[in-house]
Amino acid sequence: MKEYKVISWKMGLSKNNERLEETLNQHAVSGWRVIHIAENSARIVLERDKNR
């Protein structure tokens, strides 16, 4: 079984790529993986196995 998480990305004035990379890596440590990044909004959908 899978579980999902939606995070809203808030763009800042500087270091957006670095902050996004850090955020995604923090979630990856917990087993989350990106399955979708919405084009016209700042939403990122993550997925992981629920019974891990």
N, C-alpha and C. Protein backbone atom coordinates (compact mmCIF):
# COMPACT_ATOMS: atom_id res chain seq x y z
N MET A 1 0.84 -1.17 0.00
CA MET A 1 0.00 0.00 0.00
C MET A 1 0.89 1.24 0.00
N LYS A 2 0.44 2.27 -0.68
CA LYS A 2 1.19 3.52 -0.79
C LYS A 2 0.52 4.61 0.06
N GLU A 3 1.32 5.57 0.44
CA GLU A 3 0.78 6.77 1.06
C GLU A 3 1.37 7.96 0.32
N TYR A 4 0.66 9.07 0.36
CA TYR A 4 1.03 10.24 -0.42
C TYR A 4 1.08 11.48 0.46
N LYS A 5 1.89 12.43 0.02
CA LYS A 5 2.02 13.71 0.72
C LYS A 5 2.10 14.79 -0.35
N VAL A 6 1.40 15.88 -0.13
CA VAL A 6 1.47 17.03 -1.02
C VAL A 6 2.12 18.16 -0.24
N ILE A 7 3.18 18.71 -0.82
CA ILE A 7 3.82 19.86 -0.17
C ILE A 7 3.67 21.07 -1.09
N SER A 8 3.51 22.21 -0.50
CA SER A 8 3.42 23.47 -1.24
C SER A 8 4.77 24.15 -1.14
N TRP A 9 5.34 24.45 -2.29
CA TRP A 9 6.64 25.08 -2.34
C TRP A 9 6.47 26.59 -2.42
N LYS A 10 7.08 27.31 -1.50
CA LYS A 10 7.01 28.76 -1.50
C LYS A 10 8.33 29.32 -2.05
N MET A 11 8.22 29.98 -3.16
CA MET A 11 9.40 30.56 -3.79
C MET A 11 9.88 31.74 -2.97
N GLY A 12 11.18 31.82 -2.81
CA GLY A 12 11.78 32.94 -2.10
C GLY A 12 12.50 33.85 -3.08
N LEU A 13 13.22 34.79 -2.56
CA LEU A 13 13.94 35.72 -3.42
C LEU A 13 15.30 35.20 -3.84
N SER A 14 15.85 34.26 -3.08
CA SER A 14 17.18 33.76 -3.43
C SER A 14 17.33 32.29 -3.03
N LYS A 15 18.24 31.63 -3.68
CA LYS A 15 18.62 30.24 -3.39
C LYS A 15 17.44 29.27 -3.46
N ASN A 16 16.52 29.51 -4.41
CA ASN A 16 15.35 28.64 -4.55
C ASN A 16 15.75 27.20 -4.84
N ASN A 17 16.68 27.02 -5.79
CA ASN A 17 17.08 25.66 -6.16
C ASN A 17 17.72 24.93 -4.99
N GLU A 18 18.56 25.61 -4.26
CA GLU A 18 19.23 24.98 -3.13
C GLU A 18 18.24 24.59 -2.03
N ARG A 19 17.29 25.48 -1.75
CA ARG A 19 16.29 25.20 -0.72
C ARG A 19 15.37 24.05 -1.15
N LEU A 20 14.98 24.04 -2.42
CA LEU A 20 14.13 22.96 -2.92
C LEU A 20 14.86 21.63 -2.84
N GLU A 21 16.11 21.61 -3.26
CA GLU A 21 16.91 20.39 -3.21
C GLU A 21 17.04 19.89 -1.78
N GLU A 22 17.29 20.77 -0.85
CA GLU A 22 17.42 20.39 0.57
C GLU A 22 16.10 19.81 1.09
N THR A 23 14.99 20.44 0.74
CA THR A 23 13.67 19.96 1.18
C THR A 23 13.38 18.58 0.63
N LEU A 24 13.64 18.37 -0.66
CA LEU A 24 13.39 17.06 -1.28
C LEU A 24 14.30 15.99 -0.69
N ASN A 25 15.54 16.33 -0.42
CA ASN A 25 16.47 15.36 0.17
C ASN A 25 16.05 14.99 1.59
N GLN A 26 15.52 15.94 2.35
CA GLN A 26 15.04 15.63 3.70
C GLN A 26 13.87 14.65 3.65
N HIS A 27 12.97 14.83 2.70
CA HIS A 27 11.85 13.90 2.55
C HIS A 27 12.34 12.53 2.05
N ALA A 28 13.33 12.53 1.18
CA ALA A 28 13.86 11.28 0.65
C ALA A 28 14.45 10.40 1.75
N VAL A 29 15.06 11.00 2.75
CA VAL A 29 15.61 10.26 3.88
C VAL A 29 14.51 9.47 4.59
N SER A 30 13.30 10.00 4.58
CA SER A 30 12.16 9.33 5.21
C SER A 30 11.44 8.38 4.26
N GLY A 31 12.01 8.16 3.08
CA GLY A 31 11.43 7.21 2.15
C GLY A 31 10.51 7.79 1.10
N TRP A 32 10.32 9.10 1.09
CA TRP A 32 9.45 9.74 0.11
C TRP A 32 10.17 9.90 -1.22
N ARG A 33 9.41 9.78 -2.32
CA ARG A 33 9.96 10.07 -3.64
C ARG A 33 8.97 10.94 -4.40
N VAL A 34 9.49 11.83 -5.22
CA VAL A 34 8.65 12.75 -6.00
C VAL A 34 8.00 11.98 -7.13
N ILE A 35 6.68 12.14 -7.25
CA ILE A 35 6.00 11.51 -8.38
C ILE A 35 5.37 12.54 -9.31
N HIS A 36 5.24 13.79 -8.83
CA HIS A 36 4.66 14.82 -9.69
C HIS A 36 5.01 16.21 -9.16
N ILE A 37 5.35 17.09 -10.08
CA ILE A 37 5.52 18.51 -9.76
C ILE A 37 4.57 19.26 -10.68
N ALA A 38 3.60 19.96 -10.09
CA ALA A 38 2.61 20.69 -10.88
C ALA A 38 3.25 21.86 -11.60
N GLU A 39 2.92 22.01 -12.88
CA GLU A 39 3.51 23.07 -13.69
C GLU A 39 3.08 24.46 -13.29
N ASN A 40 1.79 24.64 -13.09
CA ASN A 40 1.26 25.98 -12.87
C ASN A 40 1.01 26.34 -11.41
N SER A 41 1.49 25.51 -10.53
CA SER A 41 1.37 25.82 -9.11
C SER A 41 2.64 25.34 -8.42
N ALA A 42 2.70 25.57 -7.15
CA ALA A 42 3.91 25.21 -6.41
C ALA A 42 3.65 23.96 -5.57
N ARG A 43 2.97 22.97 -6.15
CA ARG A 43 2.66 21.75 -5.41
C ARG A 43 3.52 20.59 -5.91
N ILE A 44 4.02 19.83 -4.95
CA ILE A 44 4.84 18.66 -5.24
C ILE A 44 4.19 17.47 -4.55
N VAL A 45 3.97 16.39 -5.31
CA VAL A 45 3.35 15.19 -4.76
C VAL A 45 4.44 14.15 -4.51
N LEU A 46 4.45 13.61 -3.29
CA LEU A 46 5.42 12.61 -2.87
C LEU A 46 4.69 11.30 -2.58
N GLU A 47 5.42 10.19 -2.72
CA GLU A 47 4.84 8.86 -2.48
C GLU A 47 5.86 8.01 -1.74
N ARG A 48 5.36 7.10 -0.89
CA ARG A 48 6.22 6.09 -0.28
C ARG A 48 5.37 4.90 0.10
N ASP A 49 6.04 3.77 0.35
CA ASP A 49 5.34 2.58 0.82
C ASP A 49 4.90 2.79 2.25
N LYS A 50 3.64 2.50 2.52
CA LYS A 50 3.12 2.72 3.87
C LYS A 50 3.67 1.67 4.85
N ASN A 51 3.83 0.45 4.40
CA ASN A 51 4.31 -0.64 5.27
C ASN A 51 5.81 -0.85 5.04
N ARG A 52 6.59 0.15 5.30
CA ARG A 52 8.03 0.03 5.03
C ARG A 52 8.77 -0.46 6.21
